[in-house]
PDB file of N, CA and C in Angstrom:
ATOM      1  N   MET A   1      79.588 113.072  37.112  1.00  0.00           N
ATOM      2  CA  MET A   1      78.331 113.667  36.721  1.00  0.00           C
ATOM      3  C   MET A   1      78.090 114.925  37.554  1.00  0.00           C
ATOM      4  N   THR A   2      78.995 115.864  37.505  1.00  0.00           N
ATOM      5  CA  THR A   2      78.804 117.089  38.259  1.00  0.00           C
ATOM      6  C   THR A   2      77.710 117.921  37.607  1.00  0.00           C
ATOM      7  N   GLU A   3      77.035 118.692  38.424  1.00  0.00           N
ATOM      8  CA  GLU A   3      75.894 119.458  37.955  1.00  0.00           C
ATOM      9  C   GLU A   3      76.208 120.935  37.928  1.00  0.00           C
ATOM     10  N   GLU A   4      75.347 121.665  37.252  1.00  0.00           N
ATOM     11  CA  GLU A   4      75.424 123.119  37.248  1.00  0.00           C
ATOM     12  C   GLU A   4      74.481 123.627  38.326  1.00  0.00           C
ATOM     13  N   TYR A   5      74.940 124.575  39.108  1.00  0.00           N
ATOM     14  CA  TYR A   5      74.125 125.142  40.174  1.00  0.00           C
ATOM     15  C   TYR A   5      73.968 126.637  39.937  1.00  0.00           C
ATOM     16  N   THR A   6      72.828 127.169  40.359  1.00  0.00           N
ATOM     17  CA  THR A   6      72.587 128.601  40.220  1.00  0.00           C
ATOM     18  C   THR A   6      72.968 129.313  41.519  1.00  0.00           C
ATOM     19  N   ALA A   7      73.310 130.566  41.389  1.00  0.00           N
ATOM     20  CA  ALA A   7      73.709 131.349  42.560  1.00  0.00           C
ATOM     21  C   ALA A   7      72.503 131.851  43.346  1.00  0.00           C
ATOM     22  N   SER A   8      71.312 131.724  42.777  1.00  0.00           N
ATOM     23  CA  SER A   8      70.124 132.282  43.416  1.00  0.00           C
ATOM     24  C   SER A   8      69.619 131.466  44.600  1.00  0.00           C
ATOM     25  N   LYS A   9      70.101 130.248  44.732  1.00  0.00           N
ATOM     26  CA  LYS A   9      69.617 129.356  45.785  1.00  0.00           C
ATOM     27  C   LYS A   9      70.800 128.567  46.322  1.00  0.00           C
ATOM     28  N   PRO A  10      70.863 128.323  47.648  1.00  0.00           N
ATOM     29  CA  PRO A  10      71.976 127.533  48.183  1.00  0.00           C
ATOM     30  C   PRO A  10      72.065 126.159  47.508  1.00  0.00           C
ATOM     31  N   ILE A  11      73.280 125.689  47.320  1.00  0.00           N
ATOM     32  CA  ILE A  11      73.493 124.410  46.631  1.00  0.00           C
ATOM     33  C   ILE A  11      72.800 123.264  47.359  1.00  0.00           C
ATOM     34  N   TYR A  12      72.872 123.251  48.693  1.00  0.00           N
ATOM     35  CA  TYR A  12      72.253 122.140  49.419  1.00  0.00           C
ATOM     36  C   TYR A  12      70.741 122.101  49.178  1.00  0.00           C
ATOM     37  N   VAL A  13      70.110 123.266  48.987  1.00  0.00           N
ATOM     38  CA  VAL A  13      68.679 123.324  48.698  1.00  0.00           C
ATOM     39  C   VAL A  13      68.412 122.808  47.282  1.00  0.00           C
ATOM     40  N   GLN A  14      69.281 123.150  46.338  1.00  0.00           N
ATOM     41  CA  GLN A  14      69.119 122.669  44.961  1.00  0.00           C
ATOM     42  C   GLN A  14      69.242 121.149  44.899  1.00  0.00           C
ATOM     43  N   ILE A  15      70.170 120.594  45.662  1.00  0.00           N
ATOM     44  CA  ILE A  15      70.334 119.133  45.692  1.00  0.00           C
ATOM     45  C   ILE A  15      69.129 118.494  46.367  1.00  0.00           C
ATOM     46  N   ALA A  16      68.644 119.093  47.445  1.00  0.00           N
ATOM     47  CA  ALA A  16      67.450 118.572  48.122  1.00  0.00           C
ATOM     48  C   ALA A  16      66.257 118.589  47.170  1.00  0.00           C
ATOM     49  N   ASP A  17      66.100 119.680  46.418  1.00  0.00           N
ATOM     50  CA  ASP A  17      65.003 119.768  45.441  1.00  0.00           C
ATOM     51  C   ASP A  17      65.115 118.664  44.394  1.00  0.00           C
ATOM     52  N   ARG A  18      66.341 118.384  43.943  1.00  0.00           N
ATOM     53  CA  ARG A  18      66.547 117.330  42.955  1.00  0.00           C
ATOM     54  C   ARG A  18      66.136 115.973  43.528  1.00  0.00           C
ATOM     55  N   ILE A  19      66.513 115.704  44.768  1.00  0.00           N
ATOM     56  CA  ILE A  19      66.156 114.432  45.408  1.00  0.00           C
ATOM     57  C   ILE A  19      64.643 114.320  45.553  1.00  0.00           C
ATOM     58  N   VAL A  20      63.994 115.407  45.947  1.00  0.00           N
ATOM     59  CA  VAL A  20      62.533 115.402  46.076  1.00  0.00           C
ATOM     60  C   VAL A  20      61.887 115.100  44.725  1.00  0.00           C
ATOM     61  N   ARG A  21      62.370 115.733  43.650  1.00  0.00           N
ATOM     62  CA  ARG A  21      61.828 115.453  42.306  1.00  0.00           C
ATOM     63  C   ARG A  21      62.028 113.986  41.926  1.00  0.00           C
ATOM     64  N   GLU A  22      63.173 113.410  42.282  1.00  0.00           N
ATOM     65  CA  GLU A  22      63.423 111.991  41.987  1.00  0.00           C
ATOM     66  C   GLU A  22      62.450 111.100  42.752  1.00  0.00           C
ATOM     67  N   ILE A  23      62.096 111.487  43.963  1.00  0.00           N
ATOM     68  CA  ILE A  23      61.121 110.719  44.746  1.00  0.00           C
ATOM     69  C   ILE A  23      59.739 110.848  44.113  1.00  0.00           C
ATOM     70  N   VAL A  24      59.357 112.067  43.735  1.00  0.00           N
ATOM     71  CA  VAL A  24      58.048 112.293  43.116  1.00  0.00           C
ATOM     72  C   VAL A  24      57.933 111.517  41.807  1.00  0.00           C
ATOM     73  N   ARG A  25      59.018 111.485  41.018  1.00  0.00           N
ATOM     74  CA  ARG A  25      59.013 110.741  39.741  1.00  0.00           C
ATOM     75  C   ARG A  25      59.165 109.239  39.945  1.00  0.00           C
ATOM     76  N   LYS A  26      59.308 108.827  41.199  1.00  0.00           N
ATOM     77  CA  LYS A  26      59.463 107.413  41.566  1.00  0.00           C
ATOM     78  C   LYS A  26      60.767 106.813  41.066  1.00  0.00           C
ATOM     79  N   GLU A  27      61.768 107.683  40.835  1.00  0.00           N
ATOM     80  CA  GLU A  27      63.112 107.203  40.526  1.00  0.00           C
ATOM     81  C   GLU A  27      63.765 106.724  41.825  1.00  0.00           C
ATOM     82  N   LEU A  28      63.357 107.318  42.930  1.00  0.00           N
ATOM     83  CA  LEU A  28      63.747 106.856  44.263  1.00  0.00           C
ATOM     84  C   LEU A  28      62.463 106.394  44.940  1.00  0.00           C
ATOM     85  N   ARG A  29      62.451 105.163  45.407  1.00  0.00           N
ATOM     86  CA  ARG A  29      61.247 104.557  45.975  1.00  0.00           C
ATOM     87  C   ARG A  29      61.254 104.640  47.508  1.00  0.00           C
ATOM     88  N   PRO A  30      60.066 104.567  48.111  1.00  0.00           N
ATOM     89  CA  PRO A  30      60.008 104.535  49.575  1.00  0.00           C
ATOM     90  C   PRO A  30      60.874 103.400  50.131  1.00  0.00           C
ATOM     91  N   GLY A  31      61.677 103.723  51.134  1.00  0.00           N
ATOM     92  CA  GLY A  31      62.550 102.727  51.751  1.00  0.00           C
ATOM     93  C   GLY A  31      63.874 102.531  51.044  1.00  0.00           C
ATOM     94  N   GLU A  32      64.053 103.167  49.887  1.00  0.00           N
ATOM     95  CA  GLU A  32      65.299 103.006  49.133  1.00  0.00           C
ATOM     96  C   GLU A  32      66.433 103.793  49.791  1.00  0.00           C
ATOM     97  N   LYS A  33      67.603 103.186  49.776  1.00  0.00           N
ATOM     98  CA  LYS A  33      68.774 103.808  50.383  1.00  0.00           C
ATOM     99  C   LYS A  33      69.368 104.841  49.431  1.00  0.00           C
ATOM    100  N   LEU A  34      69.692 106.008  49.985  1.00  0.00           N
ATOM    101  CA  LEU A  34      70.378 107.042  49.209  1.00  0.00           C
ATOM    102  C   LEU A  34      71.875 106.737  49.210  1.00  0.00           C
ATOM    103  N   PRO A  35      72.608 107.269  48.240  1.00  0.00           N
ATOM    104  CA  PRO A  35      74.064 107.091  48.262  1.00  0.00           C
ATOM    105  C   PRO A  35      74.650 107.665  49.557  1.00  0.00           C
ATOM    106  N   SER A  36      75.786 107.160  49.953  1.00  0.00           N
ATOM    107  CA  SER A  36      76.450 107.703  51.136  1.00  0.00           C
ATOM    108  C   SER A  36      76.773 109.172  50.887  1.00  0.00           C
ATOM    109  N   VAL A  37      77.055 109.887  51.960  1.00  0.00           N
ATOM    110  CA  VAL A  37      77.395 111.304  51.841  1.00  0.00           C
ATOM    111  C   VAL A  37      78.574 111.471  50.891  1.00  0.00           C
ATOM    112  N   ARG A  38      79.582 110.648  51.049  1.00  0.00           N
ATOM    113  CA  ARG A  38      80.777 110.743  50.213  1.00  0.00           C
ATOM    114  C   ARG A  38      80.450 110.458  48.741  1.00  0.00           C
ATOM    115  N   GLU A  39      79.674 109.388  48.483  1.00  0.00           N
ATOM    116  CA  GLU A  39      79.295 109.043  47.108  1.00  0.00           C
ATOM    117  C   GLU A  39      78.487 110.163  46.458  1.00  0.00           C
ATOM    118  N   MET A  40      77.506 110.690  47.198  1.00  0.00           N
ATOM    119  CA  MET A  40      76.652 111.745  46.657  1.00  0.00           C
ATOM    120  C   MET A  40      77.467 113.016  46.400  1.00  0.00           C
ATOM    121  N   ALA A  41      78.445 113.295  47.267  1.00  0.00           N
ATOM    122  CA  ALA A  41      79.297 114.468  47.068  1.00  0.00           C
ATOM    123  C   ALA A  41      80.086 114.340  45.767  1.00  0.00           C
ATOM    124  N   ILE A  42      80.620 113.162  45.513  1.00  0.00           N
ATOM    125  CA  ILE A  42      81.379 112.930  44.276  1.00  0.00           C
ATOM    126  C   ILE A  42      80.451 113.053  43.070  1.00  0.00           C
ATOM    127  N   GLN A  43      79.268 112.414  43.134  1.00  0.00           N
ATOM    128  CA  GLN A  43      78.305 112.478  42.026  1.00  0.00           C
ATOM    129  C   GLN A  43      77.864 113.907  41.738  1.00  0.00           C
ATOM    130  N   SER A  44      77.686 114.683  42.803  1.00  0.00           N
ATOM    131  CA  SER A  44      77.164 116.039  42.664  1.00  0.00           C
ATOM    132  C   SER A  44      78.250 117.086  42.456  1.00  0.00           C
ATOM    133  N   GLY A  45      79.497 116.709  42.677  1.00  0.00           N
ATOM    134  CA  GLY A  45      80.606 117.633  42.501  1.00  0.00           C
ATOM    135  C   GLY A  45      80.662 118.706  43.578  1.00  0.00           C
ATOM    136  N   VAL A  46      80.294 118.324  44.810  1.00  0.00           N
ATOM    137  CA  VAL A  46      80.298 119.283  45.914  1.00  0.00           C
ATOM    138  C   VAL A  46      81.029 118.690  47.116  1.00  0.00           C
ATOM    139  N   ASN A  47      81.251 119.523  48.112  1.00  0.00           N
ATOM    140  CA  ASN A  47      81.888 119.112  49.347  1.00  0.00           C
ATOM    141  C   ASN A  47      80.953 118.180  50.135  1.00  0.00           C
ATOM    142  N   PRO A  48      81.483 117.147  50.790  1.00  0.00           N
ATOM    143  CA  PRO A  48      80.629 116.263  51.600  1.00  0.00           C
ATOM    144  C   PRO A  48      79.805 116.996  52.657  1.00  0.00           C
ATOM    145  N   ASN A  49      80.325 118.126  53.175  1.00  0.00           N
ATOM    146  CA  ASN A  49      79.554 118.890  54.161  1.00  0.00           C
ATOM    147  C   ASN A  49      78.249 119.417  53.561  1.00  0.00           C
ATOM    148  N   THR A  50      78.283 119.731  52.272  1.00  0.00           N
ATOM    149  CA  THR A  50      77.079 120.209  51.589  1.00  0.00           C
ATOM    150  C   THR A  50      76.033 119.103  51.536  1.00  0.00           C
ATOM    151  N   ILE A  51      76.471 117.886  51.241  1.00  0.00           N
ATOM    152  CA  ILE A  51      75.547 116.748  51.183  1.00  0.00           C
ATOM    153  C   ILE A  51      75.024 116.434  52.574  1.00  0.00           C
ATOM    154  N   GLN A  52      75.889 116.503  53.579  1.00  0.00           N
ATOM    155  CA  GLN A  52      75.432 116.257  54.948  1.00  0.00           C
ATOM    156  C   GLN A  52      74.334 117.250  55.313  1.00  0.00           C
ATOM    157  N   ARG A  53      74.521 118.494  54.901  1.00  0.00           N
ATOM    158  CA  ARG A  53      73.499 119.509  55.173  1.00  0.00           C
ATOM    159  C   ARG A  53      72.214 119.202  54.398  1.00  0.00           C
ATOM    160  N   THR A  54      72.355 118.744  53.162  1.00  0.00           N
ATOM    161  CA  THR A  54      71.197 118.361  52.345  1.00  0.00           C
ATOM    162  C   THR A  54      70.422 117.248  53.036  1.00  0.00           C
ATOM    163  N   TYR A  55      71.124 116.188  53.439  1.00  0.00           N
ATOM    164  CA  TYR A  55      70.470 115.059  54.088  1.00  0.00           C
ATOM    165  C   TYR A  55      69.829 115.480  55.408  1.00  0.00           C
ATOM    166  N   SER A  56      70.496 116.364  56.154  1.00  0.00           N
ATOM    167  CA  SER A  56      69.936 116.847  57.419  1.00  0.00           C
ATOM    168  C   SER A  56      68.643 117.623  57.172  1.00  0.00           C
ATOM    169  N   GLU A  57      68.643 118.453  56.135  1.00  0.00           N
ATOM    170  CA  GLU A  57      67.446 119.226  55.802  1.00  0.00           C
ATOM    171  C   GLU A  57      66.309 118.299  55.372  1.00  0.00           C
ATOM    172  N   LEU A  58      66.606 117.302  54.550  1.00  0.00           N
ATOM    173  CA  LEU A  58      65.576 116.350  54.117  1.00  0.00           C
ATOM    174  C   LEU A  58      65.043 115.545  55.305  1.00  0.00           C
ATOM    175  N   GLU A  59      65.917 115.241  56.240  1.00  0.00           N
ATOM    176  CA  GLU A  59      65.483 114.507  57.435  1.00  0.00           C
ATOM    177  C   GLU A  59      64.598 115.409  58.304  1.00  0.00           C
ATOM    178  N   ARG A  60      64.970 116.673  58.433  1.00  0.00           N
ATOM    179  CA  ARG A  60      64.157 117.621  59.191  1.00  0.00           C
ATOM    180  C   ARG A  60      62.756 117.737  58.588  1.00  0.00           C
ATOM    181  N   MET A  61      62.682 117.644  57.258  1.00  0.00           N
ATOM    182  CA  MET A  61      61.408 117.720  56.544  1.00  0.00           C
ATOM    183  C   MET A  61      60.675 116.375  56.546  1.00  0.00           C
ATOM    184  N   GLU A  62      61.287 115.350  57.140  1.00  0.00           N
ATOM    185  CA  GLU A  62      60.748 113.988  57.244  1.00  0.00           C
ATOM    186  C   GLU A  62      60.591 113.302  55.893  1.00  0.00           C
ATOM    187  N   ILE A  63      61.437 113.683  54.935  1.00  0.00           N
ATOM    188  CA  ILE A  63      61.421 113.062  53.608  1.00  0.00           C
ATOM    189  C   ILE A  63      62.354 111.858  53.585  1.00  0.00           C
ATOM    190  N   VAL A  64      63.410 111.910  54.382  1.00  0.00           N
ATOM    191  CA  VAL A  64      64.326 110.779  54.531  1.00  0.00           C
ATOM    192  C   VAL A  64      64.521 110.506  56.007  1.00  0.00           C
ATOM    193  N   GLU A  65      65.067 109.338  56.296  1.00  0.00           N
ATOM    194  CA  GLU A  65      65.417 109.008  57.676  1.00  0.00           C
ATOM    195  C   GLU A  65      66.794 108.353  57.683  1.00  0.00           C
ATOM    196  N   THR A  66      67.565 108.709  58.690  1.00  0.00           N
ATOM    197  CA  THR A  66      68.897 108.140  58.821  1.00  0.00           C
ATOM    198  C   THR A  66      68.844 107.020  59.844  1.00  0.00           C
ATOM    199  N   ARG A  67      69.351 105.871  59.449  1.00  0.00           N
ATOM    200  CA  ARG A  67      69.427 104.714  60.348  1.00  0.00           C
ATOM    201  C   ARG A  67      70.877 104.520  60.726  1.00  0.00           C
ATOM    202  N   ARG A  68      71.141 104.654  61.979  1.00  0.00           N
ATOM    203  CA  ARG A  68      72.507 104.589  62.483  1.00  0.00           C
ATOM    204  C   ARG A  68      73.221 103.331  61.981  1.00  0.00           C
ATOM    205  N   GLY A  69      74.357 103.557  61.342  1.00  0.00           N
ATOM    206  CA  GLY A  69      75.164 102.448  60.853  1.00  0.00           C
ATOM    207  C   GLY A  69      74.691 101.847  59.539  1.00  0.00           C
ATOM    208  N   GLN A  70      73.543 102.295  59.041  1.00  0.00           N
ATOM    209  CA  GLN A  70      73.001 101.726  57.801  1.00  0.00           C
ATOM    210  C   GLN A  70      72.954 102.727  56.650  1.00  0.00           C
ATOM    211  N   GLY A  71      72.696 103.989  56.976  1.00  0.00           N
ATOM    212  CA  GLY A  71      72.638 105.003  55.933  1.00  0.00           C
ATOM    213  C   GLY A  71      71.363 105.819  55.988  1.00  0.00           C
ATOM    214  N   THR A  72      71.100 106.518  54.893  1.00  0.00           N
ATOM    215  CA  THR A  72      69.938 107.397  54.783  1.00  0.00           C
ATOM    216  C   THR A  72      68.969 106.796  53.774  1.00  0.00           C
ATOM    217  N   PHE A  73      67.698 106.751  54.153  1.00  0.00           N
ATOM    218  CA  PHE A  73      66.674 106.081  53.361  1.00  0.00           C
ATOM    219  C   PHE A  73      65.493 107.015  53.103  1.00  0.00           C
ATOM    220  N   VAL A  74      64.851 106.836  51.939  1.00  0.00           N
ATOM    221  CA  VAL A  74      63.626 107.566  51.627  1.00  0.00           C
ATOM    222  C   VAL A  74      62.547 107.089  52.598  1.00  0.00           C
ATOM    223  N   THR A  75      61.772 108.026  53.119  1.00  0.00           N
ATOM    224  CA  THR A  75      60.721 107.661  54.064  1.00  0.00           C
ATOM    225  C   THR A  75      59.730 106.682  53.442  1.00  0.00           C
ATOM    226  N   GLU A  76      59.149 105.860  54.284  1.00  0.00           N
ATOM    227  CA  GLU A  76      58.093 104.949  53.835  1.00  0.00           C
ATOM    228  C   GLU A  76      56.735 105.452  54.295  1.00  0.00           C
ATOM    229  N   ASN A  77      56.710 106.628  54.908  1.00  0.00           N
ATOM    230  CA  ASN A  77      55.485 107.244  55.395  1.00  0.00           C
ATOM    231  C   ASN A  77      54.670 107.754  54.201  1.00  0.00           C
ATOM    232  N   GLN A  78      53.618 107.011  53.852  1.00  0.00           N
ATOM    233  CA  GLN A  78      52.828 107.347  52.661  1.00  0.00           C
ATOM    234  C   GLN A  78      52.135 108.702  52.780  1.00  0.00           C
ATOM    235  N   GLU A  79      51.741 109.065  53.992  1.00  0.00           N
ATOM    236  CA  GLU A  79      51.106 110.365  54.190  1.00  0.00           C
ATOM    237  C   GLU A  79      52.091 111.491  53.867  1.00  0.00           C
ATOM    238  N   MET A  80      53.334 111.351  54.335  1.00  0.00           N
ATOM    239  CA  MET A  80      54.358 112.365  54.064  1.00  0.00           C
ATOM    240  C   MET A  80      54.656 112.430  52.565  1.00  0.00           C
ATOM    241  N   LEU A  81      54.734 111.278  51.919  1.00  0.00           N
ATOM    242  CA  LEU A  81      55.000 111.248  50.472  1.00  0.00           C
ATOM    243  C   LEU A  81      53.867 111.905  49.695  1.00  0.00           C
ATOM    244  N   SER A  82      52.648 111.682  50.139  1.00  0.00           N
ATOM    245  CA  SER A  82      51.491 112.292  49.489  1.00  0.00           C
ATOM    246  C   SER A  82      51.516 113.815  49.652  1.00  0.00           C
ATOM    247  N   VAL A  83      51.824 114.290  50.846  1.00  0.00           N
ATOM    248  CA  VAL A  83      51.931 115.724  51.101  1.00  0.00           C
ATOM    249  C   VAL A  83      53.028 116.330  50.223  1.00  0.00           C
ATOM    250  N   MET A  84      54.155 115.633  50.124  1.00  0.00           N
ATOM    251  CA  MET A  84      55.269 116.118  49.313  1.00  0.00           C
ATOM    252  C   MET A  84      54.868 116.205  47.836  1.00  0.00           C
ATOM    253  N   ASN A  85      54.180 115.181  47.326  1.00  0.00           N
ATOM    254  CA  ASN A  85      53.725 115.197  45.934  1.00  0.00           C
ATOM    255  C   ASN A  85      52.809 116.381  45.668  1.00  0.00           C
ATOM    256  N   GLU A  86      51.869 116.626  46.583  1.00  0.00           N
ATOM    257  CA  GLU A  86      50.945 117.744  46.424  1.00  0.00           C
ATOM    258  C   GLU A  86      51.684 119.077  46.457  1.00  0.00           C
ATOM    259  N   LYS A  87      52.675 119.196  47.329  1.00  0.00           N
ATOM    260  CA  LYS A  87      53.445 120.431  47.445  1.00  0.00           C
ATOM    261  C   LYS A  87      54.207 120.712  46.146  1.00  0.00           C
ATOM    262  N   VAL A  88      54.840 119.687  45.591  1.00  0.00           N
ATOM    263  CA  VAL A  88      55.592 119.857  44.344  1.00  0.00           C
ATOM    264  C   VAL A  88      54.644 120.247  43.212  1.00  0.00           C
ATOM    265  N   GLN A  89      53.509 119.572  43.144  1.00  0.00           N
ATOM    266  CA  GLN A  89      52.530 119.885  42.101  1.00  0.00           C
ATOM    267  C   GLN A  89      52.056 121.333  42.231  1.00  0.00           C
ATOM    268  N   ARG A  90      51.737 121.753  43.442  1.00  0.00           N
ATOM    269  CA  ARG A  90      51.260 123.119  43.676  1.00  0.00           C
ATOM    270  C   ARG A  90      52.322 124.148  43.267  1.00  0.00           C
ATOM    271  N   GLU A  91      53.589 123.890  43.611  1.00  0.00           N
ATOM    272  CA  GLU A  91      54.668 124.814  43.253  1.00  0.00           C
ATOM    273  C   GLU A  91      54.817 124.957  41.746  1.00  0.00           C
ATOM    274  N   ILE A  92      54.697 123.842  41.031  1.00  0.00           N
ATOM    275  CA  ILE A  92      54.815 123.870  39.565  1.00  0.00           C
ATOM    276  C   ILE A  92      53.658 124.659  38.951  1.00  0.00           C
ATOM    277  N   VAL A  93      52.443 124.408  39.436  1.00  0.00           N
ATOM    278  CA  VAL A  93      51.273 125.106  38.906  1.00  0.00           C
ATOM    279  C   VAL A  93      51.360 126.598  39.213  1.00  0.00           C
ATOM    280  N   GLU A  94      51.764 126.948  40.447  1.00  0.00           N
ATOM    281  CA  GLU A  94      51.884 128.361  40.811  1.00  0.00           C
ATOM    282  C   GLU A  94      52.915 129.070  39.932  1.00  0.00           C
ATOM    283  N   GLN A  95      54.043 128.404  39.672  1.00  0.00           N
ATOM    284  CA  GLN A  95      55.075 129.004  38.821  1.00  0.00           C
ATOM    285  C   GLN A  95      54.560 129.187  37.392  1.00  0.00           C
ATOM    286  N   PHE A  96      53.832 128.191  36.883  1.00  0.00           N
ATOM    287  CA  PHE A  96      53.243 128.288  35.547  1.00  0.00           C
ATOM    288  C   PHE A  96      52.302 129.487  35.461  1.00  0.00           C
ATOM    289  N   ILE A  97      51.429 129.610  36.444  1.00  0.00           N
ATOM    290  CA  ILE A  97      50.455 130.707  36.447  1.00  0.00           C
ATOM    291  C   ILE A  97      51.159 132.057  36.534  1.00  0.00           C
ATOM    292  N   ARG A  98      52.168 132.159  37.417  1.00  0.00           N
ATOM    293  CA  ARG A  98      52.926 133.413  37.526  1.00  0.00           C
ATOM    294  C   ARG A  98      53.558 133.792  36.189  1.00  0.00           C
ATOM    295  N   ASN A  99      54.198 132.807  35.542  1.00  0.00           N
ATOM    296  CA  ASN A  99      54.857 133.060  34.256  1.00  0.00           C
ATOM    297  C   ASN A  99      53.851 133.503  33.193  1.00  0.00           C
ATOM    298  N   MET A 100      52.725 132.821  33.133  1.00  0.00           N
ATOM    299  CA  MET A 100      51.718 133.161  32.124  1.00  0.00           C
ATOM    300  C   MET A 100      51.122 134.543  32.381  1.00  0.00           C
ATOM    301  N   LYS A 101      50.891 134.883  33.649  1.00  0.00           N
ATOM    302  CA  LYS A 101      50.361 136.215  33.979  1.00  0.00           C
ATOM    303  C   LYS A 101      51.358 137.304  33.598  1.00  0.00           C
ATOM    304  N   GLU A 102      52.643 137.045  33.851  1.00  0.00           N
ATOM    305  CA  GLU A 102      53.677 138.020  33.480  1.00  0.00           C
ATOM    306  C   GLU A 102      53.687 138.267  31.979  1.00  0.00           C
ATOM    307  N   LEU A 103      53.332 137.240  31.205  1.00  0.00           N
ATOM    308  CA  LEU A 103      53.287 137.377  29.748  1.00  0.00           C
ATOM    309  C   LEU A 103      51.960 137.957  29.270  1.00  0.00           C
ATOM    310  N   GLY A 104      51.027 138.176  30.205  1.00  0.00           N
ATOM    311  CA  GLY A 104      49.766 138.813  29.851  1.00  0.00           C
ATOM    312  C   GLY A 104      48.658 137.873  29.441  1.00  0.00           C
ATOM    313  N   PHE A 105      48.801 136.583  29.706  1.00  0.00           N
ATOM    314  CA  PHE A 105      47.755 135.631  29.325  1.00  0.00           C
ATOM    315  C   PHE A 105      46.626 135.636  30.353  1.00  0.00           C
ATOM    316  N   SER A 106      45.401 135.488  29.870  1.00  0.00           N
ATOM    317  CA  SER A 106      44.231 135.411  30.750  1.00  0.00           C
ATOM    318  C   SER A 106      44.065 133.975  31.255  1.00  0.00           C
ATOM    319  N   LYS A 107      43.193 133.822  32.238  1.00  0.00           N
ATOM    320  CA  LYS A 107      42.902 132.486  32.782  1.00  0.00           C
ATOM    321  C   LYS A 107      42.401 131.561  31.679  1.00  0.00           C
ATOM    322  N   ASN A 108      41.490 132.054  30.833  1.00  0.00           N
ATOM    323  CA  ASN A 108      40.951 131.232  29.745  1.00  0.00           C
ATOM    324  C   ASN A 108      42.039 130.829  28.753  1.00  0.00           C
ATOM    325  N   GLN A 109      42.951 131.745  28.451  1.00  0.00           N
ATOM    326  CA  GLN A 109      44.049 131.423  27.541  1.00  0.00           C
ATOM    327  C   GLN A 109      44.964 130.360  28.151  1.00  0.00           C
ATOM    328  N   MET A 110      45.185 130.451  29.457  1.00  0.00           N
ATOM    329  CA  MET A 110      46.014 129.442  30.131  1.00  0.00           C
ATOM    330  C   MET A 110      45.362 128.067  30.029  1.00  0.00           C
ATOM    331  N   ILE A 111      44.070 128.025  30.300  1.00  0.00           N
ATOM    332  CA  ILE A 111      43.339 126.746  30.247  1.00  0.00           C
ATOM    333  C   ILE A 111      43.353 126.186  28.825  1.00  0.00           C
ATOM    334  N   GLU A 112      43.122 127.040  27.831  1.00  0.00           N
ATOM    335  CA  GLU A 112      43.155 126.604  26.431  1.00  0.00           C
ATOM    336  C   GLU A 112      44.528 126.044  26.064  1.00  0.00           C
ATOM    337  N   SER A 113      45.572 126.721  26.518  1.00  0.00           N
ATOM    338  CA  SER A 113      46.936 126.246  26.237  1.00  0.00           C
ATOM    339  C   SER A 113      47.179 124.877  26.850  1.00  0.00           C
ATOM    340  N   LEU A 114      46.764 124.713  28.101  1.00  0.00           N
ATOM    341  CA  LEU A 114      46.950 123.420  28.768  1.00  0.00           C
ATOM    342  C   LEU A 114      46.199 122.316  28.037  1.00  0.00           C
ATOM    343  N   GLU A 115      44.948 122.596  27.669  1.00  0.00           N
ATOM    344  CA  GLU A 115      44.149 121.583  26.959  1.00  0.00           C
ATOM    345  C   GLU A 115      44.768 121.249  25.600  1.00  0.00           C
ATOM    346  N   LYS A 116      45.243 122.271  24.906  1.00  0.00           N
ATOM    347  CA  LYS A 116      45.862 122.068  23.590  1.00  0.00           C
ATOM    348  C   LYS A 116      47.110 121.185  23.699  1.00  0.00           C
ATOM    349  N   PHE A 117      47.987 121.514  24.648  1.00  0.00           N
ATOM    350  CA  PHE A 117      49.234 120.758  24.779  1.00  0.00           C
ATOM    351  C   PHE A 117      49.013 119.379  25.361  1.00  0.00           C
ATOM    352  N   GLN A 118      47.968 119.190  26.143  1.00  0.00           N
ATOM    353  CA  GLN A 118      47.697 117.867  26.694  1.00  0.00           C
ATOM    354  C   GLN A 118      47.219 116.928  25.576  1.00  0.00           C
ATOM    355  N   ASP A 119      46.498 117.475  24.596  1.00  0.00           N
ATOM    356  CA  ASP A 119      45.983 116.664  23.498  1.00  0.00           C
ATOM    357  C   ASP A 119      47.072 116.222  22.522  1.00  0.00           C
ATOM    358  N   GLU A 120      48.239 116.895  22.549  1.00  0.00           N
ATOM    359  CA  GLU A 120      49.309 116.565  21.595  1.00  0.00           C
ATOM    360  C   GLU A 120      50.016 115.296  21.972  1.00  0.00           C
TER     361      GLU A 120
END
């Protein structure tokens, strides 16, 4: 299940973003073990060093924790998970607003569009 990666962002960041989205969507639960570095490298079609860097970055951000001899686990810190959810939501909304402004839509048109599509 190798993935397509864009050149605009480092691969380890793209993989970290994917893991964060899986946590936000609750596909990965608090306390759940992530695949080993080797397994994730095979699944992602990248070098194990890339996954190690991904896991290190997620650990630095306190999204995962590594337990010596056991593996890497999604944090169980509910405050951190809540902050992460809010950050992802804010990024999506900001990107939506930027895109709509570039297309020339007004604030009222954006709100109308959201209400229209939510009702469908």
